Amino acid sequence: MEDLAIRDKVMALETAMRQREDVMIGDCCPLKHSFAEGLYVREITVPAGLLSVTKIHKYSHVTVLLKGTILVYEESGPKKIEAPALFITPAMTKRAIYHVTEVVLTTIHSNPDNEEDIDQIEERVIAKSFDEDGTIEVKAVEDKACLG
């Protein structure tokens, strides 16, 4: 069963992180973008010791942990995930993730029109807030914290 109080705690963590001067906002970890017929694949390499808050995705998608260990705090409860692991990220999920080791994480998204403009793809798949009113802009963050 989902715990919406966890969602509130993850949102509060993001708010607190945004108030720190040592938190950089933007896609700060190395990204690799790949395309296959009808698919967009995003691979990110995250250093050990980084705390991140994920983007809110409008649609469910496949997530593959190729390397490393993460501690995840999400609505379905806390969990430890070790590579190799494949799981489905449900739509409208927001997670806090502590990267115990260096991590390589891949997400696979539907791309029915074979769009290759990353900004257009993100506009399609990323929600700005849980109610889609645009009040929360979610981006990746650098140094020992990441909002992404």
C-alpha atoms as a PDB file:
ATOM      1  CA  MET A   1       0.000   0.000   0.000  1.00  0.00           C
ATOM      2  CA  GLU A   2       1.285   3.449  -0.875  1.00  0.00           C
ATOM      3  CA  ASP A   3       2.112   5.877   1.893  1.00  0.00           C
ATOM      4  CA  LEU A   4       1.375   9.453   0.795  1.00  0.00           C
ATOM      5  CA  ALA A   5       3.080  10.728   3.959  1.00  0.00           C
ATOM      6  CA  ILE A   6       6.333   9.475   2.418  1.00  0.00           C
ATOM      7  CA  ARG A   7       5.594  11.590  -0.667  1.00  0.00           C
ATOM      8  CA  ASP A   8       5.271  14.619   1.611  1.00  0.00           C
ATOM      9  CA  LYS A   9       8.587  13.788   3.301  1.00  0.00           C
ATOM     10  CA  VAL A  10      10.366  13.427  -0.044  1.00  0.00           C
ATOM     11  CA  MET A  11       8.915  16.778  -1.155  1.00  0.00           C
ATOM     12  CA  ALA A  12      10.074  18.362   2.135  1.00  0.00           C
ATOM     13  CA  LEU A  13      13.558  16.924   1.586  1.00  0.00           C
ATOM     14  CA  GLU A  14      13.652  18.461  -1.881  1.00  0.00           C
ATOM     15  CA  THR A  15      12.548  21.833  -0.489  1.00  0.00           C
ATOM     16  CA  ALA A  16      15.265  21.702   2.185  1.00  0.00           C
ATOM     17  CA  MET A  17      17.895  20.717  -0.387  1.00  0.00           C
ATOM     18  CA  ARG A  18      16.909  23.642  -2.627  1.00  0.00           C
ATOM     19  CA  GLN A  19      17.628  26.052   0.248  1.00  0.00           C
ATOM     20  CA  ARG A  20      21.262  24.953   0.555  1.00  0.00           C
ATOM     21  CA  GLU A  21      23.950  26.872  -1.291  1.00  0.00           C
ATOM     22  CA  ASP A  22      26.034  23.732  -1.908  1.00  0.00           C
ATOM     23  CA  VAL A  23      23.266  22.045  -3.926  1.00  0.00           C
ATOM     24  CA  MET A  24      23.529  22.601  -7.656  1.00  0.00           C
ATOM     25  CA  ILE A  25      20.393  22.284  -9.789  1.00  0.00           C
ATOM     26  CA  GLY A  26      20.651  20.889 -13.299  1.00  0.00           C
ATOM     27  CA  ASP A  27      21.592  17.646 -15.047  1.00  0.00           C
ATOM     28  CA  CYS A  28      24.967  17.359 -13.341  1.00  0.00           C
ATOM     29  CA  CYS A  29      25.798  13.675 -13.613  1.00  0.00           C
ATOM     30  CA  PRO A  30      26.992  12.137 -16.878  1.00  0.00           C
ATOM     31  CA  LEU A  31      24.047  11.247 -19.125  1.00  0.00           C
ATOM     32  CA  LYS A  32      23.879   9.090 -22.220  1.00  0.00           C
ATOM     33  CA  HIS A  33      20.831   9.306 -24.487  1.00  0.00           C
ATOM     34  CA  SER A  34      19.999   6.447 -26.863  1.00  0.00           C
ATOM     35  CA  PHE A  35      17.115   5.805 -29.202  1.00  0.00           C
ATOM     36  CA  ALA A  36      15.509   2.700 -30.669  1.00  0.00           C
ATOM     37  CA  GLU A  37      12.318   2.428 -32.690  1.00  0.00           C
ATOM     38  CA  GLY A  38       9.620   3.806 -30.370  1.00  0.00           C
ATOM     39  CA  LEU A  39      11.961   4.052 -27.363  1.00  0.00           C
ATOM     40  CA  TYR A  40      14.058   6.643 -25.543  1.00  0.00           C
ATOM     41  CA  VAL A  41      16.753   5.274 -23.225  1.00  0.00           C
ATOM     42  CA  ARG A  42      18.452   7.502 -20.639  1.00  0.00           C
ATOM     43  CA  GLU A  43      21.530   6.273 -18.792  1.00  0.00           C
ATOM     44  CA  ILE A  44      23.011   8.187 -15.874  1.00  0.00           C
ATOM     45  CA  THR A  45      26.179   7.573 -13.873  1.00  0.00           C
ATOM     46  CA  VAL A  46      25.951   8.827 -10.294  1.00  0.00           C
ATOM     47  CA  PRO A  47      28.895   8.979  -7.874  1.00  0.00           C
ATOM     48  CA  ALA A  48      28.888   7.232  -4.511  1.00  0.00           C
ATOM     49  CA  GLY A  49      27.616   9.249  -1.570  1.00  0.00           C
ATOM     50  CA  LEU A  50      25.199  11.413  -3.555  1.00  0.00           C
ATOM     51  CA  LEU A  51      21.675  12.017  -2.292  1.00  0.00           C
ATOM     52  CA  SER A  52      19.101  12.608  -5.025  1.00  0.00           C
ATOM     53  CA  VAL A  53      15.433  13.391  -5.357  1.00  0.00           C
ATOM     54  CA  THR A  54      13.988  12.136  -8.624  1.00  0.00           C
ATOM     55  CA  LYS A  55      11.818  13.778 -11.219  1.00  0.00           C
ATOM     56  CA  ILE A  56       8.118  12.960 -11.336  1.00  0.00           C
ATOM     57  CA  HIS A  57       7.401  10.899 -14.437  1.00  0.00           C
ATOM     58  CA  LYS A  58       3.952  11.122 -16.012  1.00  0.00           C
ATOM     59  CA  TYR A  59       4.036   7.503 -17.181  1.00  0.00           C
ATOM     60  CA  SER A  60       5.349   4.228 -15.824  1.00  0.00           C
ATOM     61  CA  HIS A  61       8.632   3.085 -17.314  1.00  0.00           C
ATOM     62  CA  VAL A  62      11.311   0.436 -17.030  1.00  0.00           C
ATOM     63  CA  THR A  63      14.264   1.205 -14.743  1.00  0.00           C
ATOM     64  CA  VAL A  64      17.444  -0.884 -14.778  1.00  0.00           C
ATOM     65  CA  LEU A  65      20.147  -0.621 -12.130  1.00  0.00           C
ATOM     66  CA  LEU A  66      23.197  -1.788 -14.088  1.00  0.00           C
ATOM     67  CA  LYS A  67      25.839  -1.079 -11.435  1.00  0.00           C
ATOM     68  CA  GLY A  68      25.935  -0.242  -7.758  1.00  0.00           C
ATOM     69  CA  THR A  69      23.755  -0.111  -4.684  1.00  0.00           C
ATOM     70  CA  ILE A  70      21.062   2.408  -3.813  1.00  0.00           C
ATOM     71  CA  LEU A  71      18.842   3.032  -0.797  1.00  0.00           C
ATOM     72  CA  VAL A  72      15.419   4.157  -1.989  1.00  0.00           C
ATOM     73  CA  TYR A  73      12.742   5.974  -0.008  1.00  0.00           C
ATOM     74  CA  GLU A  74       9.413   6.030  -1.850  1.00  0.00           C
ATOM     75  CA  GLU A  75       5.663   5.751  -1.369  1.00  0.00           C
ATOM     76  CA  SER A  76       5.733   1.935  -1.429  1.00  0.00           C
ATOM     77  CA  GLY A  77       8.272   2.003   1.426  1.00  0.00           C
ATOM     78  CA  PRO A  78      12.051   2.065   1.877  1.00  0.00           C
ATOM     79  CA  LYS A  79      14.222  -0.508   0.130  1.00  0.00           C
ATOM     80  CA  LYS A  80      17.777  -1.388  -0.744  1.00  0.00           C
ATOM     81  CA  ILE A  81      18.411  -2.252  -4.397  1.00  0.00           C
ATOM     82  CA  GLU A  82      21.616  -3.831  -5.660  1.00  0.00           C
ATOM     83  CA  ALA A  83      22.658  -4.277  -9.281  1.00  0.00           C
ATOM     84  CA  PRO A  84      21.770  -5.976 -11.408  1.00  0.00           C
ATOM     85  CA  ALA A  85      18.107  -5.114 -10.920  1.00  0.00           C
ATOM     86  CA  LEU A  86      15.180  -4.326 -13.192  1.00  0.00           C
ATOM     87  CA  PHE A  87      11.951  -2.766 -11.930  1.00  0.00           C
ATOM     88  CA  ILE A  88       8.992  -0.721 -13.090  1.00  0.00           C
ATOM     89  CA  THR A  89       8.766   2.867 -11.921  1.00  0.00           C
ATOM     90  CA  PRO A  90       5.051   3.643 -11.532  1.00  0.00           C
ATOM     91  CA  ALA A  91       3.646   6.862 -12.955  1.00  0.00           C
ATOM     92  CA  MET A  92       3.774   9.903 -10.642  1.00  0.00           C
ATOM     93  CA  THR A  93       6.455   8.395  -8.402  1.00  0.00           C
ATOM     94  CA  LYS A  94       8.929  10.616  -6.560  1.00  0.00           C
ATOM     95  CA  ARG A  95      11.848   9.028  -4.727  1.00  0.00           C
ATOM     96  CA  ALA A  96      14.717  10.040  -2.500  1.00  0.00           C
ATOM     97  CA  ILE A  97      17.761   7.926  -3.358  1.00  0.00           C
ATOM     98  CA  TYR A  98      21.058   7.584  -1.540  1.00  0.00           C
ATOM     99  CA  HIS A  99      23.745   6.221  -3.857  1.00  0.00           C
ATOM    100  CA  VAL A 100      25.797   3.913  -1.619  1.00  0.00           C
ATOM    101  CA  THR A 101      28.275   3.168  -4.408  1.00  0.00           C
ATOM    102  CA  GLU A 102      28.829   4.579  -7.872  1.00  0.00           C
ATOM    103  CA  VAL A 103      25.645   3.769  -9.769  1.00  0.00           C
ATOM    104  CA  VAL A 104      24.746   3.311 -13.422  1.00  0.00           C
ATOM    105  CA  LEU A 105      20.991   3.597 -13.843  1.00  0.00           C
ATOM    106  CA  THR A 106      19.001   3.344 -17.074  1.00  0.00           C
ATOM    107  CA  THR A 107      15.400   4.321 -17.702  1.00  0.00           C
ATOM    108  CA  ILE A 108      13.486   3.224 -20.789  1.00  0.00           C
ATOM    109  CA  HIS A 109      10.594   5.360 -22.004  1.00  0.00           C
ATOM    110  CA  SER A 110       8.020   5.067 -24.754  1.00  0.00           C
ATOM    111  CA  ASN A 111       8.833   7.381 -27.663  1.00  0.00           C
ATOM    112  CA  PRO A 112       6.086   6.677 -30.213  1.00  0.00           C
ATOM    113  CA  ASP A 113       7.029   9.466 -32.637  1.00  0.00           C
ATOM    114  CA  ASN A 114      10.796   8.772 -32.390  1.00  0.00           C
ATOM    115  CA  GLU A 115      11.490  12.280 -31.077  1.00  0.00           C
ATOM    116  CA  GLU A 116      15.197  12.922 -30.457  1.00  0.00           C
ATOM    117  CA  ASP A 117      14.997  16.425 -28.956  1.00  0.00           C
ATOM    118  CA  ILE A 118      15.648  15.818 -25.245  1.00  0.00           C
ATOM    119  CA  ASP A 119      13.776  18.973 -24.174  1.00  0.00           C
ATOM    120  CA  GLN A 120      10.696  17.817 -26.113  1.00  0.00           C
ATOM    121  CA  ILE A 121      10.928  14.328 -24.630  1.00  0.00           C
ATOM    122  CA  GLU A 122      11.224  15.702 -21.094  1.00  0.00           C
ATOM    123  CA  GLU A 123       8.238  17.988 -21.676  1.00  0.00           C
ATOM    124  CA  ARG A 124       6.259  14.894 -22.638  1.00  0.00           C
ATOM    125  CA  VAL A 125       7.369  12.530 -19.854  1.00  0.00           C
ATOM    126  CA  ILE A 126       8.210  14.731 -16.829  1.00  0.00           C
ATOM    127  CA  ALA A 127       5.512  16.243 -14.617  1.00  0.00           C
ATOM    128  CA  LYS A 128       6.316  19.568 -12.994  1.00  0.00           C
ATOM    129  CA  SER A 129       4.171  18.676  -9.982  1.00  0.00           C
ATOM    130  CA  PHE A 130       1.851  15.979  -8.736  1.00  0.00           C
ATOM    131  CA  ASP A 131      -1.178  18.018  -9.784  1.00  0.00           C
ATOM    132  CA  GLU A 132       0.435  19.243 -13.016  1.00  0.00           C
ATOM    133  CA  ASP A 133      -0.008  22.895 -12.085  1.00  0.00           C
ATOM    134  CA  GLY A 134       3.641  23.677 -12.761  1.00  0.00           C
ATOM    135  CA  THR A 135       4.507  24.778  -9.230  1.00  0.00           C
ATOM    136  CA  ILE A 136       7.421  22.376  -8.814  1.00  0.00           C
ATOM    137  CA  GLU A 137      10.289  22.383 -11.273  1.00  0.00           C
ATOM    138  CA  VAL A 138      12.271  19.189 -10.813  1.00  0.00           C
ATOM    139  CA  LYS A 139      15.873  18.969 -12.050  1.00  0.00           C
ATOM    140  CA  ALA A 140      19.041  17.016 -11.218  1.00  0.00           C
ATOM    141  CA  VAL A 141      21.405  18.410  -8.580  1.00  0.00           C
ATOM    142  CA  GLU A 142      25.191  18.240  -8.208  1.00  0.00           C
ATOM    143  CA  ASP A 143      27.661  17.575  -5.391  1.00  0.00           C
ATOM    144  CA  LYS A 144      26.429  15.466  -2.499  1.00  0.00           C
ATOM    145  CA  ALA A 145      22.782  16.130  -3.365  1.00  0.00           C
ATOM    146  CA  CYS A 146      20.715  15.674  -6.475  1.00  0.00           C
ATOM    147  CA  LEU A 147      17.182  16.710  -7.405  1.00  0.00           C
ATOM    148  CA  GLY A 148      16.487  14.843 -10.546  1.00  0.00           C
END
